[in-house]
Amino acid sequence: MPPISRWLTAIAAAAMLTLTACSQPAATSSVPPLVVDSSPSPTDPVGSSLSGPLPRVSIAKIAASSTLVPLGLNPDKTVEVPPVSRPEQAGVYINGPTPGDPGPAVVLGHVNGAGRPGVFARLAELRPGDEVDVTRLDGRTATFRVYRTDTVNKDDFPTSAVYSDTPGAELRLITCGGDLDRAANSYLSNVLVYAALTTLR
């Protein structure tokens, strides 16, 4: 997808990202997994077949590691998120670049779910200088260095800063944070981590 078209698609989709990516169901609730498109596509930068190999994100600083399932758009044009019933699972937005290629690759994960800590439970602990590794399907590992961490109210989600094209390869990590609206079982903010590629080997 051309950069401008990819950016416009992301802008349209991201408006609801902060509303759908971060709920904390009660431990006793039954949460159906969100649908992830499992049909293979020759243009899919990360590969959509859940039965085949998947890329992986690893963050030693916070002891986080997960394969990355492909996340596209729901029928209502909101961004898919990993199943809340599997909070240990992270995913990568497939309408953006592959991690390590030019542009901002976006990885989403839950802070918790189904009464368990999520893969990004400690994401807010990351600080500038910390490293994030993404093992790609081509066998190479892209290492990113964090340069910024923010916690922002969902109503003020910085769509352009997260999704706009960048001259170099960058990474965005997104989860929930801030205060919990217990009535809605939803966090009021998002934790955003920005990182830039240092090596691709």
C-alpha atoms as a PDB file:
ATOM      1  CA  MET A   1       0.000   0.000   0.000  1.00  0.00           C
ATOM      2  CA  PRO A   2       1.440   3.443  -0.879  1.00  0.00           C
ATOM      3  CA  PRO A   3       2.526   5.436   2.195  1.00  0.00           C
ATOM      4  CA  ILE A   4      -0.201   8.093   1.902  1.00  0.00           C
ATOM      5  CA  SER A   5      -2.950   5.501   1.435  1.00  0.00           C
ATOM      6  CA  ARG A   6      -1.623   3.482   4.351  1.00  0.00           C
ATOM      7  CA  TRP A   7      -1.587   6.593   6.517  1.00  0.00           C
ATOM      8  CA  LEU A   8      -5.147   7.544   5.573  1.00  0.00           C
ATOM      9  CA  THR A   9      -6.355   4.021   6.324  1.00  0.00           C
ATOM     10  CA  ALA A  10      -4.662   4.152   9.703  1.00  0.00           C
ATOM     11  CA  ILE A  11      -6.156   7.545  10.492  1.00  0.00           C
ATOM     12  CA  ALA A  12      -9.646   6.282   9.720  1.00  0.00           C
ATOM     13  CA  ALA A  13      -9.141   3.137  11.773  1.00  0.00           C
ATOM     14  CA  ALA A  14      -7.317   4.618  14.726  1.00  0.00           C
ATOM     15  CA  ALA A  15     -10.216   6.736  15.895  1.00  0.00           C
ATOM     16  CA  MET A  16     -11.687   3.683  17.596  1.00  0.00           C
ATOM     17  CA  LEU A  17      -8.421   1.961  18.482  1.00  0.00           C
ATOM     18  CA  THR A  18      -8.339   3.433  21.948  1.00  0.00           C
ATOM     19  CA  LEU A  19     -11.883   2.285  22.620  1.00  0.00           C
ATOM     20  CA  THR A  20     -11.507  -1.325  21.543  1.00  0.00           C
ATOM     21  CA  ALA A  21      -7.994  -2.295  22.573  1.00  0.00           C
ATOM     22  CA  CYS A  22      -8.205  -2.005  26.314  1.00  0.00           C
ATOM     23  CA  SER A  23     -10.835  -3.589  28.443  1.00  0.00           C
ATOM     24  CA  GLN A  24     -10.433  -5.497  31.662  1.00  0.00           C
ATOM     25  CA  PRO A  25     -13.181  -8.105  31.889  1.00  0.00           C
ATOM     26  CA  ALA A  26     -13.934  -9.545  35.277  1.00  0.00           C
ATOM     27  CA  ALA A  27     -12.187 -12.810  35.997  1.00  0.00           C
ATOM     28  CA  THR A  28     -15.501 -14.633  35.961  1.00  0.00           C
ATOM     29  CA  SER A  29     -16.782 -13.146  32.695  1.00  0.00           C
ATOM     30  CA  SER A  30     -16.851 -15.020  29.423  1.00  0.00           C
ATOM     31  CA  VAL A  31     -15.084 -12.974  26.757  1.00  0.00           C
ATOM     32  CA  PRO A  32     -15.299 -14.169  23.156  1.00  0.00           C
ATOM     33  CA  PRO A  33     -12.022 -13.814  21.287  1.00  0.00           C
ATOM     34  CA  LEU A  34     -11.910 -11.087  18.665  1.00  0.00           C
ATOM     35  CA  VAL A  35     -11.684 -12.311  15.097  1.00  0.00           C
ATOM     36  CA  VAL A  36      -8.264 -12.262  13.461  1.00  0.00           C
ATOM     37  CA  ASP A  37      -8.207 -12.805   9.710  1.00  0.00           C
ATOM     38  CA  SER A  38      -6.463 -16.133   9.147  1.00  0.00           C
ATOM     39  CA  SER A  39      -6.598 -16.231   5.349  1.00  0.00           C
ATOM     40  CA  PRO A  40      -3.157 -15.966   3.722  1.00  0.00           C
ATOM     41  CA  SER A  41      -2.487 -12.991   1.454  1.00  0.00           C
ATOM     42  CA  PRO A  42       0.505 -12.531  -0.858  1.00  0.00           C
ATOM     43  CA  THR A  43       0.614  -8.824   0.023  1.00  0.00           C
ATOM     44  CA  ASP A  44       0.420  -9.330   3.768  1.00  0.00           C
ATOM     45  CA  PRO A  45       3.749  -8.042   5.172  1.00  0.00           C
ATOM     46  CA  VAL A  46       3.731 -10.298   8.214  1.00  0.00           C
ATOM     47  CA  GLY A  47       1.813 -13.316   6.976  1.00  0.00           C
ATOM     48  CA  SER A  48      -1.760 -14.084   8.021  1.00  0.00           C
ATOM     49  CA  SER A  49      -1.646 -17.838   8.456  1.00  0.00           C
ATOM     50  CA  LEU A  50      -1.972 -18.548  12.164  1.00  0.00           C
ATOM     51  CA  SER A  51      -0.928 -22.164  11.568  1.00  0.00           C
ATOM     52  CA  GLY A  52       2.447 -21.105  10.177  1.00  0.00           C
ATOM     53  CA  PRO A  53       5.389 -19.247  11.692  1.00  0.00           C
ATOM     54  CA  LEU A  54       4.774 -15.869  13.276  1.00  0.00           C
ATOM     55  CA  PRO A  55       7.069 -12.955  14.080  1.00  0.00           C
ATOM     56  CA  ARG A  56       7.885 -12.365  17.753  1.00  0.00           C
ATOM     57  CA  VAL A  57       8.379  -9.352  19.998  1.00  0.00           C
ATOM     58  CA  SER A  58      10.725  -9.574  22.999  1.00  0.00           C
ATOM     59  CA  ILE A  59      11.407  -6.905  25.617  1.00  0.00           C
ATOM     60  CA  ALA A  60      14.009  -8.065  28.142  1.00  0.00           C
ATOM     61  CA  LYS A  61      13.575  -5.014  30.416  1.00  0.00           C
ATOM     62  CA  ILE A  62       9.997  -6.003  31.309  1.00  0.00           C
ATOM     63  CA  ALA A  63      10.265  -9.771  30.720  1.00  0.00           C
ATOM     64  CA  ALA A  64       7.736  -9.610  27.877  1.00  0.00           C
ATOM     65  CA  SER A  65       7.752 -11.982  24.916  1.00  0.00           C
ATOM     66  CA  SER A  66       5.039 -13.041  22.493  1.00  0.00           C
ATOM     67  CA  THR A  67       4.441 -14.091  18.942  1.00  0.00           C
ATOM     68  CA  LEU A  68       2.700 -11.441  16.858  1.00  0.00           C
ATOM     69  CA  VAL A  69      -0.618 -12.401  15.344  1.00  0.00           C
ATOM     70  CA  PRO A  70      -1.735 -10.309  12.357  1.00  0.00           C
ATOM     71  CA  LEU A  71      -4.264  -7.598  13.172  1.00  0.00           C
ATOM     72  CA  GLY A  72      -6.287  -5.920  10.456  1.00  0.00           C
ATOM     73  CA  LEU A  73      -9.538  -4.012  10.493  1.00  0.00           C
ATOM     74  CA  ASN A  74     -12.903  -5.104  11.812  1.00  0.00           C
ATOM     75  CA  PRO A  75     -15.976  -4.708   9.564  1.00  0.00           C
ATOM     76  CA  ASP A  76     -16.683  -1.356  11.246  1.00  0.00           C
ATOM     77  CA  LYS A  77     -13.143  -0.195  10.316  1.00  0.00           C
ATOM     78  CA  THR A  78     -11.828  -0.332  13.880  1.00  0.00           C
ATOM     79  CA  VAL A  79      -8.450  -1.918  14.454  1.00  0.00           C
ATOM     80  CA  GLU A  80      -8.477  -5.531  15.601  1.00  0.00           C
ATOM     81  CA  VAL A  81      -6.789  -6.395  18.882  1.00  0.00           C
ATOM     82  CA  PRO A  82      -5.562  -9.724  20.252  1.00  0.00           C
ATOM     83  CA  PRO A  83      -8.235 -11.744  22.099  1.00  0.00           C
ATOM     84  CA  VAL A  84      -8.852 -10.414  25.607  1.00  0.00           C
ATOM     85  CA  SER A  85      -9.251 -14.043  26.660  1.00  0.00           C
ATOM     86  CA  ARG A  86      -5.553 -14.519  25.748  1.00  0.00           C
ATOM     87  CA  PRO A  87      -3.947 -11.431  27.300  1.00  0.00           C
ATOM     88  CA  GLU A  88      -0.440 -12.860  26.871  1.00  0.00           C
ATOM     89  CA  GLN A  89      -0.793 -12.560  23.067  1.00  0.00           C
ATOM     90  CA  ALA A  90       0.461  -9.509  21.166  1.00  0.00           C
ATOM     91  CA  GLY A  91      -0.353  -8.554  17.594  1.00  0.00           C
ATOM     92  CA  VAL A  92       0.958  -6.380  14.774  1.00  0.00           C
ATOM     93  CA  TYR A  93      -1.152  -4.083  12.592  1.00  0.00           C
ATOM     94  CA  ILE A  94      -0.760  -5.471   9.067  1.00  0.00           C
ATOM     95  CA  ASN A  95      -1.816  -2.327   7.212  1.00  0.00           C
ATOM     96  CA  GLY A  96       1.411  -0.699   8.387  1.00  0.00           C
ATOM     97  CA  PRO A  97       5.025  -1.602   7.604  1.00  0.00           C
ATOM     98  CA  THR A  98       6.758  -4.746   8.738  1.00  0.00           C
ATOM     99  CA  PRO A  99       8.873  -4.023  11.848  1.00  0.00           C
ATOM    100  CA  GLY A 100      12.309  -3.021  10.590  1.00  0.00           C
ATOM    101  CA  ASP A 101      11.059  -1.556   7.289  1.00  0.00           C
ATOM    102  CA  PRO A 102      10.693   2.238   6.838  1.00  0.00           C
ATOM    103  CA  GLY A 103       7.729   3.689   8.672  1.00  0.00           C
ATOM    104  CA  PRO A 104       6.017   3.129  12.030  1.00  0.00           C
ATOM    105  CA  ALA A 105       5.163  -0.516  12.727  1.00  0.00           C
ATOM    106  CA  VAL A 106       2.402  -0.797  15.333  1.00  0.00           C
ATOM    107  CA  VAL A 107       2.263  -3.588  17.938  1.00  0.00           C
ATOM    108  CA  LEU A 108      -0.696  -3.929  20.300  1.00  0.00           C
ATOM    109  CA  GLY A 109      -1.036  -5.939  23.493  1.00  0.00           C
ATOM    110  CA  HIS A 110      -3.249  -6.030  26.567  1.00  0.00           C
ATOM    111  CA  VAL A 111      -2.208  -4.828  30.010  1.00  0.00           C
ATOM    112  CA  ASN A 112      -4.401  -7.579  31.472  1.00  0.00           C
ATOM    113  CA  GLY A 113      -7.469  -9.655  30.714  1.00  0.00           C
ATOM    114  CA  ALA A 114      -9.484 -12.615  31.906  1.00  0.00           C
ATOM    115  CA  GLY A 115      -8.095 -11.998  35.395  1.00  0.00           C
ATOM    116  CA  ARG A 116      -4.443 -12.381  34.285  1.00  0.00           C
ATOM    117  CA  PRO A 117      -1.585  -9.968  33.547  1.00  0.00           C
ATOM    118  CA  GLY A 118      -1.175  -9.160  29.880  1.00  0.00           C
ATOM    119  CA  VAL A 119       1.926  -9.263  27.717  1.00  0.00           C
ATOM    120  CA  PHE A 120       2.266  -5.484  28.131  1.00  0.00           C
ATOM    121  CA  ALA A 121       1.433  -5.375  31.846  1.00  0.00           C
ATOM    122  CA  ARG A 122       4.719  -3.528  32.503  1.00  0.00           C
ATOM    123  CA  LEU A 123       4.944  -1.514  29.298  1.00  0.00           C
ATOM    124  CA  ALA A 124       4.772   1.795  31.180  1.00  0.00           C
ATOM    125  CA  GLU A 125       8.090   0.925  32.867  1.00  0.00           C
ATOM    126  CA  LEU A 126      10.028   1.347  29.615  1.00  0.00           C
ATOM    127  CA  ARG A 127      12.311   4.358  29.425  1.00  0.00           C
ATOM    128  CA  PRO A 128      14.470   5.953  26.714  1.00  0.00           C
ATOM    129  CA  GLY A 129      17.396   3.683  25.921  1.00  0.00           C
ATOM    130  CA  ASP A 130      15.552   0.419  26.581  1.00  0.00           C
ATOM    131  CA  GLU A 131      15.557  -2.062  23.702  1.00  0.00           C
ATOM    132  CA  VAL A 132      12.820  -4.014  21.925  1.00  0.00           C
ATOM    133  CA  ASP A 133      13.564  -6.943  19.604  1.00  0.00           C
ATOM    134  CA  VAL A 134      11.258  -8.133  16.835  1.00  0.00           C
ATOM    135  CA  THR A 135      12.122 -11.412  15.111  1.00  0.00           C
ATOM    136  CA  ARG A 136      10.774 -11.223  11.570  1.00  0.00           C
ATOM    137  CA  LEU A 137       9.504 -13.918   9.248  1.00  0.00           C
ATOM    138  CA  ASP A 138      12.613 -13.516   7.081  1.00  0.00           C
ATOM    139  CA  GLY A 139      14.704 -14.704  10.045  1.00  0.00           C
ATOM    140  CA  ARG A 140      16.243 -11.318  10.780  1.00  0.00           C
ATOM    141  CA  THR A 141      15.911  -9.534  14.112  1.00  0.00           C
ATOM    142  CA  ALA A 142      15.065  -5.846  14.227  1.00  0.00           C
ATOM    143  CA  THR A 143      16.287  -4.115  17.385  1.00  0.00           C
ATOM    144  CA  PHE A 144      14.645  -0.845  18.369  1.00  0.00           C
ATOM    145  CA  ARG A 145      15.690   1.662  21.040  1.00  0.00           C
ATOM    146  CA  VAL A 146      12.949   3.428  22.995  1.00  0.00           C
ATOM    147  CA  TYR A 147      13.070   7.217  22.801  1.00  0.00           C
ATOM    148  CA  ARG A 148       9.706   8.188  24.281  1.00  0.00           C
ATOM    149  CA  THR A 149       6.984   6.782  26.545  1.00  0.00           C
ATOM    150  CA  ASP A 150       3.645   8.510  27.065  1.00  0.00           C
ATOM    151  CA  THR A 151       0.391   7.835  28.902  1.00  0.00           C
ATOM    152  CA  VAL A 152      -2.432   9.718  27.209  1.00  0.00           C
ATOM    153  CA  ASN A 153      -6.167   9.962  27.717  1.00  0.00           C
ATOM    154  CA  LYS A 154      -8.018   8.010  25.061  1.00  0.00           C
ATOM    155  CA  ASP A 155      -9.885  11.163  24.062  1.00  0.00           C
ATOM    156  CA  ASP A 156      -6.515  12.726  23.215  1.00  0.00           C
ATOM    157  CA  PHE A 157      -5.005   9.770  21.348  1.00  0.00           C
ATOM    158  CA  PRO A 158      -2.176  11.180  19.147  1.00  0.00           C
ATOM    159  CA  THR A 159      -3.213   9.467  15.927  1.00  0.00           C
ATOM    160  CA  SER A 160      -0.829  11.376  13.692  1.00  0.00           C
ATOM    161  CA  ALA A 161       2.201  10.816  15.949  1.00  0.00           C
ATOM    162  CA  VAL A 162       1.498   7.089  16.101  1.00  0.00           C
ATOM    163  CA  TYR A 163       0.607   6.345  12.490  1.00  0.00           C
ATOM    164  CA  SER A 164       2.202   9.050  10.318  1.00  0.00           C
ATOM    165  CA  ASP A 165       4.999   7.902   8.028  1.00  0.00           C
ATOM    166  CA  THR A 166       8.554   8.297   9.280  1.00  0.00           C
ATOM    167  CA  PRO A 167      11.741   8.455   7.189  1.00  0.00           C
ATOM    168  CA  GLY A 168      13.296   5.569   9.082  1.00  0.00           C
ATOM    169  CA  ALA A 169      12.032   2.341  10.611  1.00  0.00           C
ATOM    170  CA  GLU A 170      10.221   2.896  13.899  1.00  0.00           C
ATOM    171  CA  LEU A 171       8.052   0.930  16.301  1.00  0.00           C
ATOM    172  CA  ARG A 172       4.971   1.843  18.300  1.00  0.00           C
ATOM    173  CA  LEU A 173       3.872  -0.298  21.245  1.00  0.00           C
ATOM    174  CA  ILE A 174       0.344   0.300  22.548  1.00  0.00           C
ATOM    175  CA  THR A 175      -1.548  -0.924  25.589  1.00  0.00           C
ATOM    176  CA  CYS A 176      -3.881   0.468  28.236  1.00  0.00           C
ATOM    177  CA  GLY A 177      -3.105   2.370  31.400  1.00  0.00           C
ATOM    178  CA  GLY A 178      -4.144   5.145  33.684  1.00  0.00           C
ATOM    179  CA  ASP A 179      -7.270   4.924  35.799  1.00  0.00           C
ATOM    180  CA  LEU A 180      -9.721   2.062  35.431  1.00  0.00           C
ATOM    181  CA  ASP A 181     -13.383   2.880  34.826  1.00  0.00           C
ATOM    182  CA  ARG A 182     -14.785   0.032  36.894  1.00  0.00           C
ATOM    183  CA  ALA A 183     -18.318   0.550  35.668  1.00  0.00           C
ATOM    184  CA  ALA A 184     -17.208   0.077  32.062  1.00  0.00           C
ATOM    185  CA  ASN A 185     -14.325  -2.321  32.859  1.00  0.00           C
ATOM    186  CA  SER A 186     -12.127  -0.163  30.673  1.00  0.00           C
ATOM    187  CA  TYR A 187      -8.993   1.884  31.222  1.00  0.00           C
ATOM    188  CA  LEU A 188      -9.227   5.587  30.501  1.00  0.00           C
ATOM    189  CA  SER A 189      -5.782   6.005  28.946  1.00  0.00           C
ATOM    190  CA  ASN A 190      -3.298   4.391  26.596  1.00  0.00           C
ATOM    191  CA  VAL A 191       0.377   3.734  27.224  1.00  0.00           C
ATOM    192  CA  LEU A 192       2.379   4.518  24.077  1.00  0.00           C
ATOM    193  CA  VAL A 193       6.007   3.608  23.516  1.00  0.00           C
ATOM    194  CA  TYR A 194       7.958   5.060  20.594  1.00  0.00           C
ATOM    195  CA  ALA A 195      11.178   3.378  19.438  1.00  0.00           C
ATOM    196  CA  ALA A 196      13.575   3.722  16.509  1.00  0.00           C
ATOM    197  CA  LEU A 197      15.470   0.984  14.686  1.00  0.00           C
ATOM    198  CA  THR A 198      19.111   0.557  15.667  1.00  0.00           C
ATOM    199  CA  THR A 199      20.037  -2.706  13.927  1.00  0.00           C
ATOM    200  CA  LEU A 200      18.536  -5.211  11.493  1.00  0.00           C
ATOM    201  CA  ARG A 201      20.572  -8.388  11.449  1.00  0.00           C
END
